[in-house]
Amino acid sequence: MAFVSETVRGQRRAELAAFLRSRRALIKPDDAGLATGPRRRTPGLRREEVAQLAGVGVTWYTWLEQGRPINVSQQVLDAVATVLRLDRAEHAHLYRLADMPEVPGLPEGATALPSDIQSVLDGFTAMPACVYNGKYDLLAWNDSFAALFPSITANGVERNALWYAFTHRETENPLGSEECLIQMVATVRSAYASHIGEQAWTNWVERMSTASPLFASLWASNRVSTPAPLERTLSCAGHGTFHARTTSFAITGVPETRMVVHTPVATEDFELLERLRQLRVTAPTPQPL
């Protein structure tokens, strides 16, 4: 984490105090299951009510709302966020103001994408495009992507690009070179820092490590990276070699998801992709792996 001066910390604490007071004023006692007495003058909830509902001490919460330099845990911030009914943007804002190094993760299983994402993917007619989450679960794709990666898109159970790449390396696996896999694992290793202790991620890492010694070795190397453009040479199950450059775009409103577009390098690559698209139209549906 970058160094933060005490002056900046003080400014953040002042912002935190104002933010908490403003959010507290928006919660009606009835919405929190509290009775509204005739003598209530405070708009929204009182400090002691927030503290009680969040399961923290009144003095501690008062100090937090006063911007005092106190230690705060992720669990307590999450409890306060729940009581104040913060949305994802507000929850992340709370973390930043409280100098919490992590960001709040998506609830387990939350993978909903904006409704227009599929239309955007379909607009890349000559370019394979898809959407991944932080650990390369495949969330959406277009027809060109399905032509290039028929097995993973046909598999209704295991749609994880890294599982596919590391456990099917000797069969139909066009995901690329070992250098590409190193980059992908490093990207997931970086995302993992925000999910330490989450059972879904722990189980996934253990399962991947058990299934693939190569993955286990790369994971143990602790190399980290952010998503970056890649030059990829993909072997397409006897149909030829597809060369592409990948570009990633973050998806607004859904943290840790990104759209990945494969841009064919040369005319031959566009032609190969079109042949694969035609084969997909005429061939039987691939059986799940």
C-alpha atoms as a PDB file:
ATOM      1  CA  MET A   1       0.000   0.000   0.000  1.00  0.00           C
ATOM      2  CA  ALA A   2       1.256   3.489  -0.827  1.00  0.00           C
ATOM      3  CA  PHE A   3       2.419   5.694   2.042  1.00  0.00           C
ATOM      4  CA  VAL A   4      -0.337   7.942   3.374  1.00  0.00           C
ATOM      5  CA  SER A   5       0.578  11.001   5.452  1.00  0.00           C
ATOM      6  CA  GLU A   6      -1.144  11.786   8.729  1.00  0.00           C
ATOM      7  CA  THR A   7      -2.617  14.890   7.099  1.00  0.00           C
ATOM      8  CA  VAL A   8      -4.316  12.782   4.436  1.00  0.00           C
ATOM      9  CA  ARG A   9      -5.450  10.242   7.038  1.00  0.00           C
ATOM     10  CA  GLY A  10      -7.013  13.071   9.020  1.00  0.00           C
ATOM     11  CA  GLN A  11      -8.841  14.288   5.921  1.00  0.00           C
ATOM     12  CA  ARG A  12     -10.108  10.782   5.235  1.00  0.00           C
ATOM     13  CA  ARG A  13     -11.351  10.421   8.811  1.00  0.00           C
ATOM     14  CA  ALA A  14     -13.256  13.698   8.481  1.00  0.00           C
ATOM     15  CA  GLU A  15     -14.804  12.427   5.233  1.00  0.00           C
ATOM     16  CA  LEU A  16     -15.623   9.133   6.922  1.00  0.00           C
ATOM     17  CA  ALA A  17     -17.388  10.919   9.780  1.00  0.00           C
ATOM     18  CA  ALA A  18     -19.477  13.012   7.399  1.00  0.00           C
ATOM     19  CA  PHE A  19     -20.274  10.007   5.225  1.00  0.00           C
ATOM     20  CA  LEU A  20     -21.479   7.884   8.153  1.00  0.00           C
ATOM     21  CA  ARG A  21     -23.651  10.683   9.511  1.00  0.00           C
ATOM     22  CA  SER A  22     -25.237  11.268   6.105  1.00  0.00           C
ATOM     23  CA  ARG A  23     -25.997   7.565   5.563  1.00  0.00           C
ATOM     24  CA  ARG A  24     -27.340   7.164   9.115  1.00  0.00           C
ATOM     25  CA  ALA A  25     -29.777  10.035   8.543  1.00  0.00           C
ATOM     26  CA  LEU A  26     -31.274   8.220   5.553  1.00  0.00           C
ATOM     27  CA  ILE A  27     -32.316   5.051   7.424  1.00  0.00           C
ATOM     28  CA  LYS A  28     -35.821   5.224   8.848  1.00  0.00           C
ATOM     29  CA  PRO A  29     -36.252   3.532  12.244  1.00  0.00           C
ATOM     30  CA  ASP A  30     -39.193   1.561  10.849  1.00  0.00           C
ATOM     31  CA  ASP A  31     -36.939   0.166   8.110  1.00  0.00           C
ATOM     32  CA  ALA A  32     -34.545  -1.087  10.781  1.00  0.00           C
ATOM     33  CA  GLY A  33     -37.307  -2.663  12.838  1.00  0.00           C
ATOM     34  CA  LEU A  34     -37.220   0.031  15.514  1.00  0.00           C
ATOM     35  CA  ALA A  35     -40.185   1.806  17.024  1.00  0.00           C
ATOM     36  CA  THR A  36     -40.623   5.508  16.240  1.00  0.00           C
ATOM     37  CA  GLY A  37     -41.309   7.348  19.488  1.00  0.00           C
ATOM     38  CA  PRO A  38     -43.110  10.704  19.665  1.00  0.00           C
ATOM     39  CA  ARG A  39     -40.016  12.489  21.033  1.00  0.00           C
ATOM     40  CA  ARG A  40     -37.600  11.414  18.298  1.00  0.00           C
ATOM     41  CA  ARG A  41     -35.858  14.437  16.842  1.00  0.00           C
ATOM     42  CA  THR A  42     -32.929  12.758  15.105  1.00  0.00           C
ATOM     43  CA  PRO A  43     -33.526  12.172  11.388  1.00  0.00           C
ATOM     44  CA  GLY A  44     -32.870   8.515  10.672  1.00  0.00           C
ATOM     45  CA  LEU A  45     -31.134   6.331  13.232  1.00  0.00           C
ATOM     46  CA  ARG A  46     -29.351   7.417  16.383  1.00  0.00           C
ATOM     47  CA  ARG A  47     -25.701   6.514  16.898  1.00  0.00           C
ATOM     48  CA  GLU A  48     -26.540   4.078  19.670  1.00  0.00           C
ATOM     49  CA  GLU A  49     -29.075   2.361  17.420  1.00  0.00           C
ATOM     50  CA  VAL A  50     -26.501   1.865  14.671  1.00  0.00           C
ATOM     51  CA  ALA A  51     -24.057   0.508  17.243  1.00  0.00           C
ATOM     52  CA  GLN A  52     -26.653  -1.885  18.655  1.00  0.00           C
ATOM     53  CA  LEU A  53     -27.747  -3.161  15.258  1.00  0.00           C
ATOM     54  CA  ALA A  54     -24.122  -3.589  14.121  1.00  0.00           C
ATOM     55  CA  GLY A  55     -23.114  -5.351  17.335  1.00  0.00           C
ATOM     56  CA  VAL A  56     -20.428  -2.835  18.329  1.00  0.00           C
ATOM     57  CA  GLY A  57     -19.926  -0.582  21.332  1.00  0.00           C
ATOM     58  CA  VAL A  58     -21.679   2.779  21.390  1.00  0.00           C
ATOM     59  CA  THR A  59     -18.480   4.573  22.411  1.00  0.00           C
ATOM     60  CA  TRP A  60     -16.499   2.895  19.640  1.00  0.00           C
ATOM     61  CA  TYR A  61     -19.066   3.796  16.973  1.00  0.00           C
ATOM     62  CA  THR A  62     -19.285   7.357  18.277  1.00  0.00           C
ATOM     63  CA  TRP A  63     -15.528   7.715  17.951  1.00  0.00           C
ATOM     64  CA  LEU A  64     -15.666   6.273  14.449  1.00  0.00           C
ATOM     65  CA  GLU A  65     -18.328   8.793  13.460  1.00  0.00           C
ATOM     66  CA  GLN A  66     -16.315  11.579  15.047  1.00  0.00           C
ATOM     67  CA  GLY A  67     -13.350  10.726  12.859  1.00  0.00           C
ATOM     68  CA  ARG A  68     -11.066   9.687  15.699  1.00  0.00           C
ATOM     69  CA  PRO A  69      -7.945   7.623  14.853  1.00  0.00           C
ATOM     70  CA  ILE A  70      -9.163   4.209  16.003  1.00  0.00           C
ATOM     71  CA  ASN A  71      -8.479   0.727  14.636  1.00  0.00           C
ATOM     72  CA  VAL A  72     -11.276  -0.839  12.642  1.00  0.00           C
ATOM     73  CA  SER A  73     -11.698  -4.360  11.275  1.00  0.00           C
ATOM     74  CA  GLN A  74     -13.222  -5.506   8.020  1.00  0.00           C
ATOM     75  CA  GLN A  75     -15.922  -7.426   9.906  1.00  0.00           C
ATOM     76  CA  VAL A  76     -17.026  -4.324  11.812  1.00  0.00           C
ATOM     77  CA  LEU A  77     -17.089  -2.180   8.680  1.00  0.00           C
ATOM     78  CA  ASP A  78     -19.183  -4.826   6.942  1.00  0.00           C
ATOM     79  CA  ALA A  79     -21.612  -4.877   9.886  1.00  0.00           C
ATOM     80  CA  VAL A  80     -21.951  -1.088   9.803  1.00  0.00           C
ATOM     81  CA  ALA A  81     -22.395  -1.179   6.019  1.00  0.00           C
ATOM     82  CA  THR A  82     -25.213  -3.686   6.419  1.00  0.00           C
ATOM     83  CA  VAL A  83     -27.022  -1.583   9.015  1.00  0.00           C
ATOM     84  CA  LEU A  84     -26.684   1.553   6.878  1.00  0.00           C
ATOM     85  CA  ARG A  85     -27.796  -0.379   3.787  1.00  0.00           C
ATOM     86  CA  LEU A  86     -24.829   0.690   1.706  1.00  0.00           C
ATOM     87  CA  ASP A  87     -24.728  -0.374  -1.918  1.00  0.00           C
ATOM     88  CA  ARG A  88     -21.525  -1.727  -3.453  1.00  0.00           C
ATOM     89  CA  ALA A  89     -20.144   1.693  -4.403  1.00  0.00           C
ATOM     90  CA  GLU A  90     -20.876   3.081  -0.929  1.00  0.00           C
ATOM     91  CA  HIS A  91     -19.413  -0.026   0.719  1.00  0.00           C
ATOM     92  CA  ALA A  92     -16.172   0.357  -1.244  1.00  0.00           C
ATOM     93  CA  HIS A  93     -16.128   4.082  -0.398  1.00  0.00           C
ATOM     94  CA  LEU A  94     -16.423   3.205   3.299  1.00  0.00           C
ATOM     95  CA  TYR A  95     -13.415   0.896   3.004  1.00  0.00           C
ATOM     96  CA  ARG A  96     -11.296   3.554   1.324  1.00  0.00           C
ATOM     97  CA  LEU A  97     -12.127   6.235   3.879  1.00  0.00           C
ATOM     98  CA  ALA A  98     -11.336   3.815   6.715  1.00  0.00           C
ATOM     99  CA  ASP A  99      -7.927   2.981   5.163  1.00  0.00           C
ATOM    100  CA  MET A 100      -8.950  -0.639   4.690  1.00  0.00           C
ATOM    101  CA  PRO A 101      -6.485  -2.139   2.156  1.00  0.00           C
ATOM    102  CA  GLU A 102      -8.965  -4.685   0.785  1.00  0.00           C
ATOM    103  CA  VAL A 103     -12.123  -3.933  -1.118  1.00  0.00           C
ATOM    104  CA  PRO A 104     -15.427  -5.605  -0.307  1.00  0.00           C
ATOM    105  CA  GLY A 105     -15.795  -8.757  -2.388  1.00  0.00           C
ATOM    106  CA  LEU A 106     -18.809  -9.861  -4.321  1.00  0.00           C
ATOM    107  CA  PRO A 107     -21.223 -12.049  -2.353  1.00  0.00           C
ATOM    108  CA  GLU A 108     -20.562 -15.702  -3.104  1.00  0.00           C
ATOM    109  CA  GLY A 109     -22.257 -16.686  -6.349  1.00  0.00           C
ATOM    110  CA  ALA A 110     -22.965 -13.098  -7.406  1.00  0.00           C
ATOM    111  CA  THR A 111     -22.225 -12.992 -11.137  1.00  0.00           C
ATOM    112  CA  ALA A 112     -25.056 -10.879 -12.554  1.00  0.00           C
ATOM    113  CA  LEU A 113     -23.939  -8.799 -15.537  1.00  0.00           C
ATOM    114  CA  PRO A 114     -25.604  -5.665 -16.932  1.00  0.00           C
ATOM    115  CA  SER A 115     -28.292  -6.632 -19.415  1.00  0.00           C
ATOM    116  CA  ASP A 116     -26.579  -4.938 -22.367  1.00  0.00           C
ATOM    117  CA  ILE A 117     -23.278  -6.828 -22.041  1.00  0.00           C
ATOM    118  CA  GLN A 118     -24.392  -9.637 -24.352  1.00  0.00           C
ATOM    119  CA  SER A 119     -25.284  -7.107 -27.039  1.00  0.00           C
ATOM    120  CA  VAL A 120     -21.825  -5.576 -26.740  1.00  0.00           C
ATOM    121  CA  LEU A 121     -20.214  -9.026 -27.055  1.00  0.00           C
ATOM    122  CA  ASP A 122     -22.331  -9.867 -30.084  1.00  0.00           C
ATOM    123  CA  GLY A 123     -21.183  -6.632 -31.715  1.00  0.00           C
ATOM    124  CA  PHE A 124     -17.676  -8.086 -32.012  1.00  0.00           C
ATOM    125  CA  THR A 125     -18.753 -10.377 -34.846  1.00  0.00           C
ATOM    126  CA  ALA A 126     -15.244 -11.012 -36.253  1.00  0.00           C
ATOM    127  CA  MET A 127     -13.508 -11.114 -32.881  1.00  0.00           C
ATOM    128  CA  PRO A 128     -13.866 -13.736 -30.146  1.00  0.00           C
ATOM    129  CA  ALA A 129     -14.986 -11.917 -26.985  1.00  0.00           C
ATOM    130  CA  CYS A 130     -16.038 -13.042 -23.533  1.00  0.00           C
ATOM    131  CA  VAL A 131     -16.461 -11.935 -19.919  1.00  0.00           C
ATOM    132  CA  TYR A 132     -14.486 -13.445 -17.035  1.00  0.00           C
ATOM    133  CA  ASN A 133     -14.634 -12.874 -13.307  1.00  0.00           C
ATOM    134  CA  GLY A 134     -11.594 -12.677 -11.032  1.00  0.00           C
ATOM    135  CA  LYS A 135     -10.772 -16.376 -11.192  1.00  0.00           C
ATOM    136  CA  TYR A 136     -11.550 -16.847 -14.899  1.00  0.00           C
ATOM    137  CA  ASP A 137     -15.061 -18.243 -14.600  1.00  0.00           C
ATOM    138  CA  LEU A 138     -16.613 -17.703 -18.018  1.00  0.00           C
ATOM    139  CA  LEU A 139     -19.747 -15.572 -17.562  1.00  0.00           C
ATOM    140  CA  ALA A 140     -20.696 -14.620 -21.144  1.00  0.00           C
ATOM    141  CA  TRP A 141     -19.352 -14.920 -24.706  1.00  0.00           C
ATOM    142  CA  ASN A 142     -20.149 -14.343 -28.358  1.00  0.00           C
ATOM    143  CA  ASP A 143     -20.433 -16.760 -31.282  1.00  0.00           C
ATOM    144  CA  SER A 144     -16.833 -16.246 -32.390  1.00  0.00           C
ATOM    145  CA  PHE A 145     -15.575 -17.156 -28.930  1.00  0.00           C
ATOM    146  CA  ALA A 146     -17.738 -20.295 -28.964  1.00  0.00           C
ATOM    147  CA  ALA A 147     -16.240 -21.234 -32.350  1.00  0.00           C
ATOM    148  CA  LEU A 148     -12.705 -20.832 -31.008  1.00  0.00           C
ATOM    149  CA  PHE A 149     -13.382 -22.551 -27.649  1.00  0.00           C
ATOM    150  CA  PRO A 150     -16.236 -25.020 -28.334  1.00  0.00           C
ATOM    151  CA  SER A 151     -15.673 -27.350 -25.405  1.00  0.00           C
ATOM    152  CA  ILE A 152     -15.593 -24.791 -22.605  1.00  0.00           C
ATOM    153  CA  THR A 153     -18.679 -22.963 -23.876  1.00  0.00           C
ATOM    154  CA  ALA A 154     -20.598 -26.216 -24.360  1.00  0.00           C
ATOM    155  CA  ASN A 155     -19.783 -27.378 -20.851  1.00  0.00           C
ATOM    156  CA  GLY A 156     -22.693 -26.342 -18.667  1.00  0.00           C
ATOM    157  CA  VAL A 157     -20.942 -27.329 -15.435  1.00  0.00           C
ATOM    158  CA  GLU A 158     -17.242 -26.423 -15.590  1.00  0.00           C
ATOM    159  CA  ARG A 159     -16.865 -23.111 -17.375  1.00  0.00           C
ATOM    160  CA  ASN A 160     -13.590 -21.993 -15.880  1.00  0.00           C
ATOM    161  CA  ALA A 161     -10.835 -21.117 -18.342  1.00  0.00           C
ATOM    162  CA  LEU A 162      -7.981 -22.084 -16.024  1.00  0.00           C
ATOM    163  CA  TRP A 163      -9.516 -25.443 -15.155  1.00  0.00           C
ATOM    164  CA  TYR A 164      -9.905 -26.082 -18.864  1.00  0.00           C
ATOM    165  CA  ALA A 165      -6.364 -24.923 -19.638  1.00  0.00           C
ATOM    166  CA  PHE A 166      -4.568 -26.907 -16.942  1.00  0.00           C
ATOM    167  CA  THR A 167      -6.592 -30.131 -16.949  1.00  0.00           C
ATOM    168  CA  HIS A 168      -6.992 -30.595 -20.734  1.00  0.00           C
ATOM    169  CA  ARG A 169      -3.520 -29.657 -21.946  1.00  0.00           C
ATOM    170  CA  GLU A 170      -3.082 -32.945 -23.847  1.00  0.00           C
ATOM    171  CA  THR A 171      -6.425 -32.776 -25.677  1.00  0.00           C
ATOM    172  CA  GLU A 172      -8.399 -29.885 -27.134  1.00  0.00           C
ATOM    173  CA  ASN A 173      -6.757 -26.915 -25.451  1.00  0.00           C
ATOM    174  CA  PRO A 174      -6.186 -23.815 -27.556  1.00  0.00           C
ATOM    175  CA  LEU A 175      -5.703 -21.483 -24.590  1.00  0.00           C
ATOM    176  CA  GLY A 176      -2.096 -20.765 -25.397  1.00  0.00           C
ATOM    177  CA  SER A 177       1.495 -21.136 -24.280  1.00  0.00           C
ATOM    178  CA  GLU A 178       2.842 -21.703 -20.802  1.00  0.00           C
ATOM    179  CA  GLU A 179       3.859 -18.032 -20.738  1.00  0.00           C
ATOM    180  CA  CYS A 180       0.206 -17.128 -21.223  1.00  0.00           C
ATOM    181  CA  LEU A 181      -0.826 -19.455 -18.402  1.00  0.00           C
ATOM    182  CA  ILE A 182       1.786 -17.914 -16.112  1.00  0.00           C
ATOM    183  CA  GLN A 183       0.231 -14.488 -16.742  1.00  0.00           C
ATOM    184  CA  MET A 184      -3.287 -15.784 -16.129  1.00  0.00           C
ATOM    185  CA  VAL A 185      -2.338 -17.411 -12.806  1.00  0.00           C
ATOM    186  CA  ALA A 186      -0.506 -14.256 -11.730  1.00  0.00           C
ATOM    187  CA  THR A 187      -3.654 -12.242 -12.445  1.00  0.00           C
ATOM    188  CA  VAL A 188      -5.766 -14.576 -10.313  1.00  0.00           C
ATOM    189  CA  ARG A 189      -3.110 -14.521  -7.552  1.00  0.00           C
ATOM    190  CA  SER A 190      -3.497 -10.737  -7.403  1.00  0.00           C
ATOM    191  CA  ALA A 191      -7.307 -10.935  -7.236  1.00  0.00           C
ATOM    192  CA  TYR A 192      -7.075 -13.611  -4.530  1.00  0.00           C
ATOM    193  CA  ALA A 193      -5.745 -11.040  -2.036  1.00  0.00           C
ATOM    194  CA  SER A 194      -9.267  -9.614  -1.778  1.00  0.00           C
ATOM    195  CA  HIS A 195     -10.810 -13.047  -1.126  1.00  0.00           C
ATOM    196  CA  ILE A 196      -8.526 -14.651   1.456  1.00  0.00           C
ATOM    197  CA  GLY A 197     -10.642 -16.713   3.823  1.00  0.00           C
ATOM    198  CA  GLU A 198     -13.585 -17.034   1.418  1.00  0.00           C
ATOM    199  CA  GLN A 199     -14.551 -20.689   1.139  1.00  0.00           C
ATOM    200  CA  ALA A 200     -15.383 -20.582  -2.572  1.00  0.00           C
ATOM    201  CA  TRP A 201     -11.929 -19.280  -3.467  1.00  0.00           C
ATOM    202  CA  THR A 202     -10.139 -21.576  -1.005  1.00  0.00           C
ATOM    203  CA  ASN A 203     -11.913 -24.610  -2.450  1.00  0.00           C
ATOM    204  CA  TRP A 204     -11.146 -23.526  -6.014  1.00  0.00           C
ATOM    205  CA  VAL A 205      -7.415 -23.071  -5.357  1.00  0.00           C
ATOM    206  CA  GLU A 206      -7.206 -26.445  -3.585  1.00  0.00           C
ATOM    207  CA  ARG A 207      -9.083 -28.187  -6.393  1.00  0.00           C
ATOM    208  CA  MET A 208      -6.907 -26.595  -9.077  1.00  0.00           C
ATOM    209  CA  SER A 209      -3.705 -27.432  -7.200  1.00  0.00           C
ATOM    210  CA  THR A 210      -4.755 -31.053  -6.742  1.00  0.00           C
ATOM    211  CA  ALA A 211      -5.701 -31.449 -10.396  1.00  0.00           C
ATOM    212  CA  SER A 212      -2.620 -29.780 -11.878  1.00  0.00           C
ATOM    213  CA  PRO A 213       0.958 -29.875 -10.507  1.00  0.00           C
ATOM    214  CA  LEU A 214       1.815 -27.097 -12.963  1.00  0.00           C
ATOM    215  CA  PHE A 215      -0.893 -24.850 -11.559  1.00  0.00           C
ATOM    216  CA  ALA A 216       0.213 -25.694  -8.004  1.00  0.00           C
ATOM    217  CA  SER A 217       3.783 -24.728  -8.889  1.00  0.00           C
ATOM    218  CA  LEU A 218       2.754 -21.440 -10.502  1.00  0.00           C
ATOM    219  CA  TRP A 219       0.457 -20.608  -7.586  1.00  0.00           C
ATOM    220  CA  ALA A 220       3.221 -21.299  -5.075  1.00  0.00           C
ATOM    221  CA  SER A 221       5.546 -18.917  -6.935  1.00  0.00           C
ATOM    222  CA  ASN A 222       3.413 -16.017  -5.642  1.00  0.00           C
ATOM    223  CA  ARG A 223       3.816 -14.074  -8.854  1.00  0.00           C
ATOM    224  CA  VAL A 224       1.137 -11.374  -9.199  1.00  0.00           C
ATOM    225  CA  SER A 225       0.027  -9.223 -12.107  1.00  0.00           C
ATOM    226  CA  THR A 226      -2.844  -7.108 -13.337  1.00  0.00           C
ATOM    227  CA  PRO A 227      -4.700  -8.008 -16.570  1.00  0.00           C
ATOM    228  CA  ALA A 228      -2.535  -7.012 -19.513  1.00  0.00           C
ATOM    229  CA  PRO A 229      -2.612  -7.347 -23.326  1.00  0.00           C
ATOM    230  CA  LEU A 230      -1.280 -10.676 -24.525  1.00  0.00           C
ATOM    231  CA  GLU A 231      -0.010 -12.046 -27.823  1.00  0.00           C
ATOM    232  CA  ARG A 232      -1.567 -15.485 -28.124  1.00  0.00           C
ATOM    233  CA  THR A 233      -0.883 -18.378 -30.483  1.00  0.00           C
ATOM    234  CA  LEU A 234      -3.726 -20.856 -30.175  1.00  0.00           C
ATOM    235  CA  SER A 235      -3.774 -24.396 -31.540  1.00  0.00           C
ATOM    236  CA  CYS A 236      -7.262 -25.149 -32.828  1.00  0.00           C
ATOM    237  CA  ALA A 237      -7.717 -28.923 -32.730  1.00  0.00           C
ATOM    238  CA  GLY A 238      -6.151 -29.765 -36.106  1.00  0.00           C
ATOM    239  CA  HIS A 239      -7.738 -26.840 -37.963  1.00  0.00           C
ATOM    240  CA  GLY A 240      -4.683 -24.594 -37.802  1.00  0.00           C
ATOM    241  CA  THR A 241      -3.099 -21.984 -35.584  1.00  0.00           C
ATOM    242  CA  PHE A 242      -4.884 -18.801 -34.580  1.00  0.00           C
ATOM    243  CA  HIS A 243      -2.863 -15.699 -33.710  1.00  0.00           C
ATOM    244  CA  ALA A 244      -4.509 -12.929 -31.726  1.00  0.00           C
ATOM    245  CA  ARG A 245      -3.901 -10.011 -29.415  1.00  0.00           C
ATOM    246  CA  THR A 246      -6.109  -9.796 -26.341  1.00  0.00           C
ATOM    247  CA  THR A 247      -7.438  -6.590 -24.839  1.00  0.00           C
ATOM    248  CA  SER A 248      -9.320  -6.360 -21.526  1.00  0.00           C
ATOM    249  CA  PHE A 249     -12.007  -3.898 -20.455  1.00  0.00           C
ATOM    250  CA  ALA A 250     -13.332  -3.583 -16.911  1.00  0.00           C
ATOM    251  CA  ILE A 251     -17.122  -3.833 -16.649  1.00  0.00           C
ATOM    252  CA  THR A 252     -18.719  -0.958 -14.788  1.00  0.00           C
ATOM    253  CA  GLY A 253     -20.755  -1.946 -11.752  1.00  0.00           C
ATOM    254  CA  VAL A 254     -19.488  -5.522 -11.452  1.00  0.00           C
ATOM    255  CA  PRO A 255     -16.106  -5.542  -9.669  1.00  0.00           C
ATOM    256  CA  GLU A 256     -13.430  -7.983 -10.842  1.00  0.00           C
ATOM    257  CA  THR A 257     -15.196  -8.755 -14.105  1.00  0.00           C
ATOM    258  CA  ARG A 258     -13.647  -7.860 -17.440  1.00  0.00           C
ATOM    259  CA  MET A 259     -14.418  -8.264 -21.094  1.00  0.00           C
ATOM    260  CA  VAL A 260     -11.614  -9.879 -23.083  1.00  0.00           C
ATOM    261  CA  VAL A 261     -11.514  -9.363 -26.853  1.00  0.00           C
ATOM    262  CA  HIS A 262      -9.266 -11.429 -29.141  1.00  0.00           C
ATOM    263  CA  THR A 263      -8.196  -9.404 -32.181  1.00  0.00           C
ATOM    264  CA  PRO A 264      -6.946 -11.597 -35.070  1.00  0.00           C
ATOM    265  CA  VAL A 265      -3.465 -10.570 -36.164  1.00  0.00           C
ATOM    266  CA  ALA A 266      -3.546 -11.297 -39.905  1.00  0.00           C
ATOM    267  CA  THR A 267      -5.940 -12.062 -42.747  1.00  0.00           C
ATOM    268  CA  GLU A 268      -5.289 -15.790 -42.335  1.00  0.00           C
ATOM    269  CA  ASP A 269      -6.470 -15.590 -38.744  1.00  0.00           C
ATOM    270  CA  PHE A 270      -9.759 -13.970 -39.738  1.00  0.00           C
ATOM    271  CA  GLU A 271     -10.187 -16.684 -42.381  1.00  0.00           C
ATOM    272  CA  LEU A 272      -9.471 -19.474 -39.870  1.00  0.00           C
ATOM    273  CA  LEU A 273     -11.951 -18.008 -37.442  1.00  0.00           C
ATOM    274  CA  GLU A 274     -14.622 -17.879 -40.148  1.00  0.00           C
ATOM    275  CA  ARG A 275     -13.982 -21.560 -40.991  1.00  0.00           C
ATOM    276  CA  LEU A 276     -14.375 -22.436 -37.316  1.00  0.00           C
ATOM    277  CA  ARG A 277     -17.626 -20.468 -37.206  1.00  0.00           C
ATOM    278  CA  GLN A 278     -18.963 -22.373 -40.204  1.00  0.00           C
ATOM    279  CA  LEU A 279     -17.921 -25.702 -38.675  1.00  0.00           C
ATOM    280  CA  ARG A 280     -19.783 -24.789 -35.511  1.00  0.00           C
ATOM    281  CA  VAL A 281     -22.949 -24.075 -37.506  1.00  0.00           C
ATOM    282  CA  THR A 282     -22.856 -27.426 -39.321  1.00  0.00           C
ATOM    283  CA  ALA A 283     -21.308 -29.710 -36.676  1.00  0.00           C
ATOM    284  CA  PRO A 284     -23.182 -31.500 -33.880  1.00  0.00           C
ATOM    285  CA  THR A 285     -23.130 -29.764 -30.524  1.00  0.00           C
ATOM    286  CA  PRO A 286     -19.907 -30.688 -28.667  1.00  0.00           C
ATOM    287  CA  GLN A 287     -20.379 -32.945 -25.705  1.00  0.00           C
ATOM    288  CA  PRO A 288     -19.563 -31.478 -22.276  1.00  0.00           C
ATOM    289  CA  LEU A 289     -16.099 -32.316 -20.974  1.00  0.00           C
END
